[in-house]
Amino acid sequence: MCNPLNNEEKIYEVIEDEHLDISPVIWQLIDHHLGNDLYIISLIAGSHVVGKDKDPIPVEQGEKIIKYCKEINHFFKKLRAVTNKPTAH
């Protein structure tokens, strides 16, 4: 993970202690969308930087990586919009 939260371990403790769950249907969406996009990103980047004959990632391939990163961001925004409903006080 690039930049963990400064209180990340505490957050995991709260999740575990309070038995906070994510619905299996949400995990299905996360696995599908995130898994597919990350797999494609790794294929694109890996085809250039893994192995003995490494080469720079061409611009058009870099643009595809950016596109899939944006897809991940869009997915999380959509998921957040449907799961974070305001609560009535």
C-alpha atoms as a PDB file:
ATOM      1  CA  MET A   1       0.000   0.000   0.000  1.00  0.00           C
ATOM      2  CA  CYS A   2       1.399   3.342  -1.020  1.00  0.00           C
ATOM      3  CA  ASN A   3       0.424   5.598   1.872  1.00  0.00           C
ATOM      4  CA  PRO A   4      -1.251   3.813   4.762  1.00  0.00           C
ATOM      5  CA  LEU A   5      -3.378   5.906   7.065  1.00  0.00           C
ATOM      6  CA  ASN A   6      -1.609   6.925  10.248  1.00  0.00           C
ATOM      7  CA  ASN A   7      -4.365   5.178  12.231  1.00  0.00           C
ATOM      8  CA  GLU A   8      -4.911   2.259   9.871  1.00  0.00           C
ATOM      9  CA  GLU A   9      -4.122  -0.461  12.398  1.00  0.00           C
ATOM     10  CA  LYS A  10      -6.653   1.088  14.780  1.00  0.00           C
ATOM     11  CA  ILE A  11      -9.260   1.070  12.009  1.00  0.00           C
ATOM     12  CA  TYR A  12      -8.658  -2.629  11.410  1.00  0.00           C
ATOM     13  CA  GLU A  13      -9.005  -3.238  15.145  1.00  0.00           C
ATOM     14  CA  VAL A  14     -12.353  -1.410  15.203  1.00  0.00           C
ATOM     15  CA  ILE A  15     -13.565  -3.406  12.192  1.00  0.00           C
ATOM     16  CA  GLU A  16     -12.580  -6.648  13.894  1.00  0.00           C
ATOM     17  CA  ASP A  17     -13.749  -5.713  17.404  1.00  0.00           C
ATOM     18  CA  GLU A  18     -17.125  -4.418  16.233  1.00  0.00           C
ATOM     19  CA  HIS A  19     -17.578  -7.266  13.741  1.00  0.00           C
ATOM     20  CA  LEU A  20     -18.187  -4.835  10.896  1.00  0.00           C
ATOM     21  CA  ASP A  21     -19.048  -6.721   7.747  1.00  0.00           C
ATOM     22  CA  ILE A  22     -19.302  -5.945   4.076  1.00  0.00           C
ATOM     23  CA  SER A  23     -22.187  -7.637   2.355  1.00  0.00           C
ATOM     24  CA  PRO A  24     -21.214 -10.524   0.038  1.00  0.00           C
ATOM     25  CA  VAL A  25     -22.981  -8.778  -2.834  1.00  0.00           C
ATOM     26  CA  ILE A  26     -20.740  -5.724  -2.334  1.00  0.00           C
ATOM     27  CA  TRP A  27     -17.675  -7.989  -2.248  1.00  0.00           C
ATOM     28  CA  GLN A  28     -18.901  -9.500  -5.517  1.00  0.00           C
ATOM     29  CA  LEU A  29     -18.915  -6.043  -7.116  1.00  0.00           C
ATOM     30  CA  ILE A  30     -15.517  -5.143  -5.662  1.00  0.00           C
ATOM     31  CA  ASP A  31     -13.940  -8.424  -6.764  1.00  0.00           C
ATOM     32  CA  HIS A  32     -15.361  -8.100 -10.252  1.00  0.00           C
ATOM     33  CA  HIS A  33     -14.664  -4.453 -11.024  1.00  0.00           C
ATOM     34  CA  LEU A  34     -11.470  -3.935  -9.088  1.00  0.00           C
ATOM     35  CA  GLY A  35     -10.140  -7.366  -9.966  1.00  0.00           C
ATOM     36  CA  ASN A  36     -10.729  -6.927 -13.691  1.00  0.00           C
ATOM     37  CA  ASP A  37      -9.277  -3.427 -13.891  1.00  0.00           C
ATOM     38  CA  LEU A  38      -6.203  -4.298 -11.822  1.00  0.00           C
ATOM     39  CA  TYR A  39      -5.647  -7.435 -13.888  1.00  0.00           C
ATOM     40  CA  ILE A  40      -5.701  -5.411 -17.112  1.00  0.00           C
ATOM     41  CA  ILE A  41      -3.382  -2.765 -15.642  1.00  0.00           C
ATOM     42  CA  SER A  42      -0.930  -5.469 -14.544  1.00  0.00           C
ATOM     43  CA  LEU A  43      -1.044  -7.095 -17.986  1.00  0.00           C
ATOM     44  CA  ILE A  44      -0.342  -3.801 -19.743  1.00  0.00           C
ATOM     45  CA  ALA A  45       2.487  -2.761 -17.416  1.00  0.00           C
ATOM     46  CA  GLY A  46       3.839  -6.280 -16.987  1.00  0.00           C
ATOM     47  CA  SER A  47       4.210  -6.812 -20.713  1.00  0.00           C
ATOM     48  CA  HIS A  48       6.767  -3.994 -20.718  1.00  0.00           C
ATOM     49  CA  VAL A  49       8.567  -4.167 -17.388  1.00  0.00           C
ATOM     50  CA  VAL A  50       8.618  -7.840 -16.407  1.00  0.00           C
ATOM     51  CA  GLY A  51      11.297 -10.161 -17.649  1.00  0.00           C
ATOM     52  CA  LYS A  52      14.730  -9.728 -19.129  1.00  0.00           C
ATOM     53  CA  ASP A  53      13.815  -7.452 -22.043  1.00  0.00           C
ATOM     54  CA  LYS A  54      12.239  -4.465 -20.321  1.00  0.00           C
ATOM     55  CA  ASP A  55      11.071  -1.443 -22.290  1.00  0.00           C
ATOM     56  CA  PRO A  56       9.321   1.837 -21.489  1.00  0.00           C
ATOM     57  CA  ILE A  57       5.554   1.776 -21.423  1.00  0.00           C
ATOM     58  CA  PRO A  58       4.380   3.454 -24.647  1.00  0.00           C
ATOM     59  CA  VAL A  59       2.132   6.491 -24.333  1.00  0.00           C
ATOM     60  CA  GLU A  60      -0.934   4.712 -25.720  1.00  0.00           C
ATOM     61  CA  GLN A  61      -0.461   1.894 -23.191  1.00  0.00           C
ATOM     62  CA  GLY A  62       0.016   4.443 -20.400  1.00  0.00           C
ATOM     63  CA  GLU A  63      -3.233   6.093 -21.498  1.00  0.00           C
ATOM     64  CA  LYS A  64      -4.979   2.728 -21.163  1.00  0.00           C
ATOM     65  CA  ILE A  65      -3.589   2.347 -17.642  1.00  0.00           C
ATOM     66  CA  ILE A  66      -4.909   5.816 -16.757  1.00  0.00           C
ATOM     67  CA  LYS A  67      -8.302   4.875 -18.253  1.00  0.00           C
ATOM     68  CA  TYR A  68      -8.543   1.798 -16.025  1.00  0.00           C
ATOM     69  CA  CYS A  69      -7.451   3.796 -12.970  1.00  0.00           C
ATOM     70  CA  LYS A  70     -10.283   6.224 -13.724  1.00  0.00           C
ATOM     71  CA  GLU A  71     -12.666   3.261 -14.038  1.00  0.00           C
ATOM     72  CA  ILE A  72     -11.642   2.113 -10.547  1.00  0.00           C
ATOM     73  CA  ASN A  73     -12.225   5.611  -9.182  1.00  0.00           C
ATOM     74  CA  HIS A  74     -15.630   5.798 -10.914  1.00  0.00           C
ATOM     75  CA  PHE A  75     -16.603   2.422  -9.477  1.00  0.00           C
ATOM     76  CA  PHE A  76     -15.750   3.503  -5.925  1.00  0.00           C
ATOM     77  CA  LYS A  77     -17.624   6.798  -6.341  1.00  0.00           C
ATOM     78  CA  LYS A  78     -20.686   4.908  -7.570  1.00  0.00           C
ATOM     79  CA  LEU A  79     -20.431   2.371  -4.738  1.00  0.00           C
ATOM     80  CA  ARG A  80     -20.004   5.147  -2.181  1.00  0.00           C
ATOM     81  CA  ALA A  81     -23.042   6.991  -3.574  1.00  0.00           C
ATOM     82  CA  VAL A  82     -25.322   3.982  -3.170  1.00  0.00           C
ATOM     83  CA  THR A  83     -23.963   2.806   0.187  1.00  0.00           C
ATOM     84  CA  ASN A  84     -23.482   6.068   2.113  1.00  0.00           C
ATOM     85  CA  LYS A  85     -27.049   7.222   2.461  1.00  0.00           C
ATOM     86  CA  PRO A  86     -27.564  10.158   4.839  1.00  0.00           C
ATOM     87  CA  THR A  87     -29.100   9.133   8.142  1.00  0.00           C
ATOM     88  CA  ALA A  88     -32.085  10.937   9.619  1.00  0.00           C
ATOM     89  CA  HIS A  89     -31.423  12.617  12.956  1.00  0.00           C
END
